[in-house]
PDB file of N, CA and C in Angstrom:
ATOM      1  N   MET A   1       0.789  -1.446  -0.359  1.00  0.00           N
ATOM      2  CA  MET A   1      -0.200   0.205  -0.294  1.00  0.00           C
ATOM      3  C   MET A   1       0.786   1.619   0.108  1.00  0.00           C
ATOM      4  N   SER A   2       0.426   2.249  -0.932  1.00  0.00           N
ATOM      5  CA  SER A   2       1.476   3.200  -1.091  1.00  0.00           C
ATOM      6  C   SER A   2       0.539   4.851  -0.553  1.00  0.00           C
ATOM      7  N   LEU A   3       1.378   5.853   0.021  1.00  0.00           N
ATOM      8  CA  LEU A   3       1.328   6.488   0.933  1.00  0.00           C
ATOM      9  C   LEU A   3      -0.022   7.583   0.102  1.00  0.00           C
ATOM     10  N   GLU A   4      -0.465   8.036   0.353  1.00  0.00           N
ATOM     11  CA  GLU A   4      -1.552   9.464  -0.411  1.00  0.00           C
ATOM     12  C   GLU A   4      -0.534  10.135  -0.749  1.00  0.00           C
ATOM     13  N   MET A   5      -0.442  10.484  -1.636  1.00  0.00           N
ATOM     14  CA  MET A   5      -0.049  11.741  -1.386  1.00  0.00           C
ATOM     15  C   MET A   5      -0.554  13.350  -1.978  1.00  0.00           C
ATOM     16  N   ARG A   6      -0.344  13.745  -0.265  1.00  0.00           N
ATOM     17  CA  ARG A   6      -1.632  15.078  -0.937  1.00  0.00           C
ATOM     18  C   ARG A   6      -0.873  16.197  -1.500  1.00  0.00           C
ATOM     19  N   LYS A   7      -1.992  17.244  -1.282  1.00  0.00           N
ATOM     20  CA  LYS A   7      -1.422  18.458  -2.332  1.00  0.00           C
ATOM     21  C   LYS A   7      -1.811  19.463  -0.846  1.00  0.00           C
ATOM     22  N   GLN A   8      -2.513  19.370   0.090  1.00  0.00           N
ATOM     23  CA  GLN A   8      -2.521  20.627   0.488  1.00  0.00           C
ATOM     24  C   GLN A   8      -2.050  20.268   1.907  1.00  0.00           C
ATOM     25  N   CYS A   9      -1.742  21.149   2.597  1.00  0.00           N
ATOM     26  CA  CYS A   9      -2.138  20.813   4.081  1.00  0.00           C
ATOM     27  C   CYS A   9      -3.252  21.247   4.914  1.00  0.00           C
ATOM     28  N   GLU A  10      -3.564  20.440   5.647  1.00  0.00           N
ATOM     29  CA  GLU A  10      -4.236  20.155   6.517  1.00  0.00           C
ATOM     30  C   GLU A  10      -4.835  21.351   7.309  1.00  0.00           C
ATOM     31  N   ARG A  11      -3.743  22.218   7.891  1.00  0.00           N
ATOM     32  CA  ARG A  11      -4.034  23.281   8.404  1.00  0.00           C
ATOM     33  C   ARG A  11      -4.643  24.959   8.216  1.00  0.00           C
ATOM     34  N   CYS A  12      -3.561  24.728   7.116  1.00  0.00           N
ATOM     35  CA  CYS A  12      -4.049  26.286   6.419  1.00  0.00           C
ATOM     36  C   CYS A  12      -3.882  26.394   5.255  1.00  0.00           C
ATOM     37  N   SER A  13      -3.836  24.354   3.967  1.00  0.00           N
ATOM     38  CA  SER A  13      -4.866  25.061   2.868  1.00  0.00           C
ATOM     39  C   SER A  13      -3.395  25.016   1.890  1.00  0.00           C
ATOM     40  N   GLY A  14      -1.906  25.234   2.117  1.00  0.00           N
ATOM     41  CA  GLY A  14      -0.750  25.634   1.307  1.00  0.00           C
ATOM     42  C   GLY A  14      -0.171  24.179   1.144  1.00  0.00           C
ATOM     43  N   ALA A  15      -0.185  24.392  -0.263  1.00  0.00           N
ATOM     44  CA  ALA A  15      -0.067  23.758  -1.727  1.00  0.00           C
ATOM     45  C   ALA A  15       1.557  23.173  -0.721  1.00  0.00           C
ATOM     46  N   LEU A  16       1.058  21.479  -1.324  1.00  0.00           N
ATOM     47  CA  LEU A  16       2.081  21.184  -0.923  1.00  0.00           C
ATOM     48  C   LEU A  16       2.241  20.422  -2.569  1.00  0.00           C
ATOM     49  N   GLN A  17       3.834  20.429  -3.038  1.00  0.00           N
ATOM     50  CA  GLN A  17       3.950  19.402  -3.824  1.00  0.00           C
ATOM     51  C   GLN A  17       4.376  17.711  -4.112  1.00  0.00           C
ATOM     52  N   ASP A  18       4.308  16.857  -4.525  1.00  0.00           N
ATOM     53  CA  ASP A  18       5.491  16.334  -4.441  1.00  0.00           C
ATOM     54  C   ASP A  18       7.002  16.228  -4.003  1.00  0.00           C
ATOM     55  N   GLN A  19       7.545  17.152  -4.187  1.00  0.00           N
ATOM     56  CA  GLN A  19       8.904  17.460  -3.880  1.00  0.00           C
ATOM     57  C   GLN A  19       9.276  18.623  -3.112  1.00  0.00           C
ATOM     58  N   SER A  20       7.811  18.797  -2.106  1.00  0.00           N
ATOM     59  CA  SER A  20       7.342  19.909  -1.081  1.00  0.00           C
ATOM     60  C   SER A  20       8.339  19.378  -0.068  1.00  0.00           C
ATOM     61  N   PRO A  21       8.665  20.250   1.483  1.00  0.00           N
ATOM     62  CA  PRO A  21       8.591  19.092   2.886  1.00  0.00           C
ATOM     63  C   PRO A  21       7.600  18.864   3.190  1.00  0.00           C
ATOM     64  N   ALA A  22       7.477  17.882   3.441  1.00  0.00           N
ATOM     65  CA  ALA A  22       5.313  18.180   4.377  1.00  0.00           C
ATOM     66  C   ALA A  22       5.723  16.932   5.141  1.00  0.00           C
ATOM     67  N   TYR A  23       5.056  16.902   6.472  1.00  0.00           N
ATOM     68  CA  TYR A  23       4.815  16.206   7.671  1.00  0.00           C
ATOM     69  C   TYR A  23       3.573  15.008   7.589  1.00  0.00           C
ATOM     70  N   ILE A  24       4.411  13.710   7.619  1.00  0.00           N
ATOM     71  CA  ILE A  24       2.826  13.001   8.025  1.00  0.00           C
ATOM     72  C   ILE A  24       3.315  11.678   9.658  1.00  0.00           C
ATOM     73  N   CYS A  25       1.958  11.738   9.725  1.00  0.00           N
ATOM     74  CA  CYS A  25       1.767  10.371  10.766  1.00  0.00           C
ATOM     75  C   CYS A  25       1.455   9.930  10.084  1.00  0.00           C
ATOM     76  N   ILE A  26       0.962   8.747  11.212  1.00  0.00           N
ATOM     77  CA  ILE A  26       0.383   7.593  10.860  1.00  0.00           C
ATOM     78  C   ILE A  26      -0.997   7.027   9.850  1.00  0.00           C
ATOM     79  N   HIS A  27      -1.534   7.983  10.411  1.00  0.00           N
ATOM     80  CA  HIS A  27      -2.856   7.977   9.604  1.00  0.00           C
ATOM     81  C   HIS A  27      -2.557   8.771   8.659  1.00  0.00           C
ATOM     82  N   GLU A  28      -1.719   9.695   7.764  1.00  0.00           N
ATOM     83  CA  GLU A  28      -1.221  10.157   7.608  1.00  0.00           C
ATOM     84  C   GLU A  28      -1.968  11.145   7.429  1.00  0.00           C
ATOM     85  N   CYS A  29      -2.598  12.458   8.057  1.00  0.00           N
ATOM     86  CA  CYS A  29      -2.116  13.637   8.738  1.00  0.00           C
ATOM     87  C   CYS A  29      -1.254  14.086   7.285  1.00  0.00           C
ATOM     88  N   THR A  30      -1.150  15.265   6.876  1.00  0.00           N
ATOM     89  CA  THR A  30      -0.225  15.701   6.305  1.00  0.00           C
ATOM     90  C   THR A  30       0.221  17.308   6.748  1.00  0.00           C
ATOM     91  N   PHE A  31       0.415  17.804   6.579  1.00  0.00           N
ATOM     92  CA  PHE A  31       0.864  19.207   7.193  1.00  0.00           C
ATOM     93  C   PHE A  31       1.944  20.204   7.105  1.00  0.00           C
ATOM     94  N   CYS A  32       2.535  21.387   6.506  1.00  0.00           N
ATOM     95  CA  CYS A  32       3.064  22.088   5.559  1.00  0.00           C
ATOM     96  C   CYS A  32       4.513  21.876   6.848  1.00  0.00           C
ATOM     97  N   GLN A  33       5.605  22.382   6.767  1.00  0.00           N
ATOM     98  CA  GLN A  33       6.576  21.953   7.273  1.00  0.00           C
ATOM     99  C   GLN A  33       6.478  23.626   8.185  1.00  0.00           C
ATOM    100  N   PRO A  34       5.883  24.753   8.443  1.00  0.00           N
ATOM    101  CA  PRO A  34       5.758  25.951   8.844  1.00  0.00           C
ATOM    102  C   PRO A  34       4.433  25.543  10.480  1.00  0.00           C
ATOM    103  N   CYS A  35       3.595  25.023   9.529  1.00  0.00           N
ATOM    104  CA  CYS A  35       2.733  24.326  10.792  1.00  0.00           C
ATOM    105  C   CYS A  35       2.626  23.492  11.838  1.00  0.00           C
ATOM    106  N   THR A  36       3.237  22.170  10.969  1.00  0.00           N
ATOM    107  CA  THR A  36       4.258  21.289  12.109  1.00  0.00           C
ATOM    108  C   THR A  36       4.858  21.564  13.239  1.00  0.00           C
ATOM    109  N   GLU A  37       6.020  22.791  12.686  1.00  0.00           N
ATOM    110  CA  GLU A  37       6.775  23.630  13.505  1.00  0.00           C
ATOM    111  C   GLU A  37       5.710  24.040  14.982  1.00  0.00           C
ATOM    112  N   GLU A  38       4.437  24.900  14.339  1.00  0.00           N
ATOM    113  CA  GLU A  38       3.994  25.335  15.672  1.00  0.00           C
ATOM    114  C   GLU A  38       3.333  23.825  16.385  1.00  0.00           C
ATOM    115  N   MET A  39       2.642  23.216  15.444  1.00  0.00           N
ATOM    116  CA  MET A  39       1.726  21.964  16.388  1.00  0.00           C
ATOM    117  C   MET A  39       2.633  21.344  16.900  1.00  0.00           C
ATOM    118  N   MET A  40       4.117  21.748  17.623  1.00  0.00           N
ATOM    119  CA  MET A  40       5.093  21.023  17.904  1.00  0.00           C
ATOM    120  C   MET A  40       5.403  19.239  17.400  1.00  0.00           C
ATOM    121  N   LYS A  41       5.384  19.107  16.346  1.00  0.00           N
ATOM    122  CA  LYS A  41       5.308  17.871  15.274  1.00  0.00           C
ATOM    123  C   LYS A  41       4.658  16.766  16.243  1.00  0.00           C
ATOM    124  N   VAL A  42       3.576  17.331  15.957  1.00  0.00           N
ATOM    125  CA  VAL A  42       2.024  16.327  16.853  1.00  0.00           C
ATOM    126  C   VAL A  42       0.240  16.570  16.310  1.00  0.00           C
ATOM    127  N   SER A  43      -0.133  15.773  15.424  1.00  0.00           N
ATOM    128  CA  SER A  43      -0.791  15.710  13.999  1.00  0.00           C
ATOM    129  C   SER A  43      -2.325  16.135  15.347  1.00  0.00           C
ATOM    130  N   PRO A  44      -3.531  17.535  15.504  1.00  0.00           N
ATOM    131  CA  PRO A  44      -4.104  17.773  16.419  1.00  0.00           C
ATOM    132  C   PRO A  44      -5.419  16.842  15.319  1.00  0.00           C
ATOM    133  N   ASN A  45      -5.046  16.204  14.884  1.00  0.00           N
ATOM    134  CA  ASN A  45      -6.318  15.439  14.333  1.00  0.00           C
ATOM    135  C   ASN A  45      -6.607  14.318  15.016  1.00  0.00           C
ATOM    136  N   CYS A  46      -5.700  14.135  15.386  1.00  0.00           N
ATOM    137  CA  CYS A  46      -4.716  12.272  15.198  1.00  0.00           C
ATOM    138  C   CYS A  46      -4.077  11.884  17.296  1.00  0.00           C
ATOM    139  N   SER A  47      -3.237  13.296  17.020  1.00  0.00           N
ATOM    140  CA  SER A  47      -2.572  13.367  18.164  1.00  0.00           C
ATOM    141  C   SER A  47      -1.070  12.846  17.643  1.00  0.00           C
ATOM    142  N   GLY A  48      -1.408  11.676  16.870  1.00  0.00           N
ATOM    143  CA  GLY A  48      -0.200  11.027  16.143  1.00  0.00           C
ATOM    144  C   GLY A  48       1.463  12.174  16.121  1.00  0.00           C
ATOM    145  N   GLU A  49       2.647  11.234  15.921  1.00  0.00           N
ATOM    146  CA  GLU A  49       3.617  12.139  15.907  1.00  0.00           C
ATOM    147  C   GLU A  49       3.683  12.324  14.257  1.00  0.00           C
ATOM    148  N   LEU A  50       4.298  13.873  14.096  1.00  0.00           N
ATOM    149  CA  LEU A  50       3.968  14.624  12.891  1.00  0.00           C
ATOM    150  C   LEU A  50       5.903  13.787  11.846  1.00  0.00           C
ATOM    151  N   VAL A  51       6.315  13.044  11.639  1.00  0.00           N
ATOM    152  CA  VAL A  51       7.582  12.769  10.698  1.00  0.00           C
ATOM    153  C   VAL A  51       7.270  13.711   9.198  1.00  0.00           C
ATOM    154  N   LYS A  52       9.143  13.653   8.912  1.00  0.00           N
ATOM    155  CA  LYS A  52       8.665  14.152   7.311  1.00  0.00           C
ATOM    156  C   LYS A  52       8.311  13.416   6.469  1.00  0.00           C
ATOM    157  N   ARG A  53       7.462  13.222   5.817  1.00  0.00           N
ATOM    158  CA  ARG A  53       7.117  12.351   4.171  1.00  0.00           C
ATOM    159  C   ARG A  53       8.600  12.416   3.216  1.00  0.00           C
ATOM    160  N   PRO A  54       8.395  10.665   2.982  1.00  0.00           N
ATOM    161  CA  PRO A  54       9.271  10.905   2.141  1.00  0.00           C
ATOM    162  C   PRO A  54       8.752  11.374   0.727  1.00  0.00           C
ATOM    163  N   ARG A  55       9.687  11.278   0.012  1.00  0.00           N
ATOM    164  CA  ARG A  55       9.971  12.124  -1.494  1.00  0.00           C
ATOM    165  C   ARG A  55       9.991  11.361  -2.153  1.00  0.00           C
ATOM    166  N   PRO A  56       8.858  10.956  -2.868  1.00  0.00           N
ATOM    167  CA  PRO A  56       9.336  10.321  -5.052  1.00  0.00           C
ATOM    168  C   PRO A  56      10.540  10.090  -4.549  1.00  0.00           C
ATOM    169  N   GLN A  57      10.541   9.162  -5.888  1.00  0.00           N
ATOM    170  CA  GLN A  57      12.068   9.457  -6.387  1.00  0.00           C
ATOM    171  C   GLN A  57      11.823  10.156  -8.136  1.00  0.00           C
ATOM    172  N   VAL A  58      12.395  10.505  -8.236  1.00  0.00           N
ATOM    173  CA  VAL A  58      12.271  11.338  -9.671  1.00  0.00           C
ATOM    174  C   VAL A  58      13.392  10.171  -9.945  1.00  0.00           C
ATOM    175  N   HIS A  59      12.803   9.471 -11.520  1.00  0.00           N
ATOM    176  CA  HIS A  59      13.155   8.530 -12.521  1.00  0.00           C
ATOM    177  C   HIS A  59      13.674   9.634 -13.817  1.00  0.00           C
TER     178      HIS A  59
END
């Protein structure tokens, strides 16, 4: 099962490109880097830890 690469931050609705730095939790809640830092790396949706989202490999 692959990750759903969401295209916007769930907090500020800022655009997230595939290569943009973004953070996700185990439930794939997705946030931009500034929002993640403001939330102290904890998802407000599920209280899960936010970690850097892997970037897809460019071939």
